[in-house]
Amino acid sequence: MNSIDLILLNFTEVRRRSIKVWTSIPAEMLLWKPDNEAMNCIEMIRHVLESEHYYHLAIKNKGSLDVFNSPFEGLPYTTVKDELEFAEPYRNDFLKTIKSYTQEDLATIKIDRSESGYIRELGDMLLRVAYHESVHTGQLLDYLRSADIPRVRIWD
């Protein structure tokens, strides 16, 4: 298995586990949040899906975007299923882009996000994108614990 295959496997596994958590949230709890400053559950799910699209475009741009016209902007929050269905074509495009890279690209392409404090190699950046989703999935598990909602087993 090469590095590209491993990165794709990581993205697939992170999303599979995220979906297990996301779909375990009772519909009546999707608007729950631990405090007034936090995102609610469905907002966090949307944030993950929208951020992945942003990161995809930034990676293709080899740096941050001056303007990001999000296809998610202004859409009403509905269900986890609807969010996933809407995001699916963007996810598929992102995975297709990853598949187009070579082993050499992972080390030689630089992603300039200086305004966020870093410039990273493509391989590093791709791992950061998956990590972003993982962190938010962990936050949602904590939300479920705080709301006294049973947590799905993600470590299978």
Protein backbone atom coordinates (compact mmCIF):
# COMPACT_ATOMS: atom_id res chain seq x y z
CA MET A 1 0.00 0.00 0.00
CA ASN A 2 1.47 3.38 -0.96
CA SER A 3 1.12 6.72 0.84
CA ILE A 4 -1.79 7.90 -1.31
CA ASP A 5 -3.68 4.68 -0.54
CA LEU A 6 -2.99 5.12 3.17
CA ILE A 7 -4.21 8.72 3.11
CA LEU A 8 -7.39 7.65 1.32
CA LEU A 9 -7.89 4.83 3.83
CA ASN A 10 -7.48 7.32 6.66
CA PHE A 11 -10.10 9.65 5.14
CA THR A 12 -12.47 6.72 4.65
CA GLU A 13 -12.03 5.44 8.19
CA VAL A 14 -12.36 8.87 9.78
CA ARG A 15 -15.59 9.53 7.86
CA ARG A 16 -16.99 6.07 8.59
CA ARG A 17 -16.53 6.63 12.30
CA SER A 18 -17.86 10.20 12.10
CA ILE A 19 -20.99 8.95 10.38
CA LYS A 20 -21.48 6.38 13.15
CA VAL A 21 -21.44 9.20 15.69
CA TRP A 22 -23.46 11.66 13.60
CA THR A 23 -26.24 9.20 12.82
CA SER A 24 -26.45 8.12 16.45
CA ILE A 25 -27.53 11.59 17.55
CA PRO A 26 -31.30 11.58 18.13
CA ALA A 27 -33.06 14.01 15.77
CA GLU A 28 -34.46 15.95 18.72
CA MET A 29 -30.89 16.53 19.99
CA LEU A 30 -29.36 17.89 16.76
CA LEU A 31 -29.83 21.46 18.01
CA TRP A 32 -28.33 20.71 21.44
CA LYS A 33 -25.13 22.45 22.46
CA PRO A 34 -23.30 22.48 25.77
CA ASP A 35 -23.33 26.29 26.12
CA ASN A 36 -24.33 29.43 24.27
CA GLU A 37 -20.86 29.90 22.76
CA ALA A 38 -20.70 26.42 21.18
CA MET A 39 -21.93 25.09 17.87
CA ASN A 40 -24.90 22.78 18.15
CA CYS A 41 -24.60 19.21 16.87
CA ILE A 42 -25.89 19.80 13.36
CA GLU A 43 -23.83 22.99 13.01
CA MET A 44 -20.70 21.04 13.91
CA ILE A 45 -21.51 18.37 11.34
CA ARG A 46 -22.07 21.06 8.70
CA HIS A 47 -18.82 22.75 9.78
CA VAL A 48 -16.88 19.52 9.17
CA LEU A 49 -18.44 18.96 5.75
CA GLU A 50 -18.06 22.58 4.67
CA SER A 51 -14.49 22.80 5.97
CA GLU A 52 -13.51 19.74 3.98
CA HIS A 53 -14.76 21.47 0.84
CA TYR A 54 -12.82 24.62 1.74
CA TYR A 55 -9.65 22.61 2.39
CA HIS A 56 -10.09 20.81 -0.94
CA LEU A 57 -10.22 24.12 -2.79
CA ALA A 58 -7.31 25.54 -0.78
CA ILE A 59 -5.23 22.47 -1.58
CA LYS A 60 -6.00 22.80 -5.28
CA ASN A 61 -5.13 26.50 -4.97
CA LYS A 62 -1.90 25.60 -3.10
CA GLY A 63 -2.94 28.06 -0.43
CA SER A 64 -5.77 29.80 1.33
CA LEU A 65 -8.58 31.25 -0.74
CA ASP A 66 -9.10 34.99 -1.02
CA VAL A 67 -12.81 34.35 -1.44
CA PHE A 68 -14.75 31.25 -0.48
CA ASN A 69 -18.25 31.02 -1.91
CA SER A 70 -19.56 28.12 0.09
CA PRO A 71 -22.30 25.99 -1.46
CA PHE A 72 -23.36 25.25 2.14
CA GLU A 73 -23.93 28.90 3.01
CA GLY A 74 -27.55 29.74 3.73
CA LEU A 75 -28.83 26.20 3.47
CA PRO A 76 -31.30 25.33 6.21
CA TYR A 77 -30.14 22.68 8.65
CA THR A 78 -32.18 19.53 8.19
CA THR A 79 -31.06 15.98 8.93
CA VAL A 80 -27.70 14.25 9.07
CA LYS A 81 -28.74 12.20 6.06
CA ASP A 82 -29.54 15.35 4.07
CA GLU A 83 -26.25 16.97 5.09
CA LEU A 84 -24.31 13.91 3.94
CA GLU A 85 -26.20 13.66 0.66
CA PHE A 86 -25.58 17.33 -0.10
CA ALA A 87 -21.87 17.01 0.71
CA GLU A 88 -21.35 13.73 -1.18
CA PRO A 89 -20.39 15.19 -4.58
CA TYR A 90 -17.91 17.56 -2.91
CA ARG A 91 -16.44 14.65 -0.94
CA ASN A 92 -16.15 12.53 -4.09
CA ASP A 93 -14.37 15.37 -5.92
CA PHE A 94 -11.95 15.73 -3.00
CA LEU A 95 -11.13 12.02 -2.95
CA LYS A 96 -10.69 12.08 -6.74
CA THR A 97 -8.23 14.97 -6.36
CA ILE A 98 -6.26 13.03 -3.75
CA LYS A 99 -6.10 10.03 -6.09
CA SER A 100 -4.62 12.27 -8.80
CA TYR A 101 -1.54 13.07 -6.74
CA THR A 102 1.71 11.14 -6.88
CA GLN A 103 3.95 10.03 -4.06
CA GLU A 104 6.33 12.83 -5.03
CA ASP A 105 3.52 15.42 -4.89
CA LEU A 106 2.96 14.68 -1.20
CA ALA A 107 6.40 16.10 -0.39
CA THR A 108 6.94 18.69 -3.11
CA ILE A 109 3.60 20.53 -3.28
CA LYS A 110 3.42 23.23 -0.62
CA ILE A 111 0.14 24.58 0.76
CA ASP A 112 0.59 28.18 1.89
CA ARG A 113 -1.69 29.14 4.74
CA SER A 114 0.66 31.81 6.08
CA GLU A 115 -2.27 33.88 7.34
CA SER A 116 -3.11 30.90 9.60
CA GLY A 117 0.51 30.53 10.60
CA TYR A 118 1.81 27.72 8.44
CA ILE A 119 3.02 26.41 5.11
CA ARG A 120 2.80 22.63 4.87
CA GLU A 121 3.63 19.88 2.43
CA LEU A 122 0.60 18.38 0.72
CA GLY A 123 0.89 15.08 2.64
CA ASP A 124 0.94 16.93 5.95
CA MET A 125 -2.01 19.10 4.92
CA LEU A 126 -4.13 16.11 3.91
CA LEU A 127 -3.52 14.49 7.29
CA ARG A 128 -4.50 17.77 8.99
CA VAL A 129 -7.82 17.81 7.11
CA ALA A 130 -8.69 14.33 8.38
CA TYR A 131 -7.51 15.28 11.86
CA HIS A 132 -9.86 18.29 11.85
CA GLU A 133 -12.80 15.96 11.32
CA SER A 134 -11.54 13.58 14.01
CA VAL A 135 -11.32 16.37 16.57
CA HIS A 136 -14.89 17.45 15.92
CA THR A 137 -16.11 13.86 16.09
CA GLY A 138 -14.49 13.67 19.51
CA GLN A 139 -16.23 16.89 20.50
CA LEU A 140 -19.57 15.41 19.47
CA LEU A 141 -18.88 12.34 21.57
CA ASP A 142 -18.30 14.69 24.49
CA TYR A 143 -21.56 16.50 23.67
CA LEU A 144 -23.37 13.17 23.80
CA ARG A 145 -21.79 12.37 27.16
CA SER A 146 -22.71 15.81 28.51
CA ALA A 147 -26.30 15.44 27.30
CA ASP A 148 -26.47 11.94 28.84
CA ILE A 149 -27.07 10.33 25.45
CA PRO A 150 -25.64 6.86 24.88
CA ARG A 151 -22.50 6.91 22.74
CA VAL A 152 -22.02 4.59 19.82
CA ARG A 153 -18.96 2.38 19.81
CA ILE A 154 -16.58 3.70 17.15
CA TRP A 155 -13.57 1.55 17.99
CA ASP A 156 -14.49 -1.57 16.05
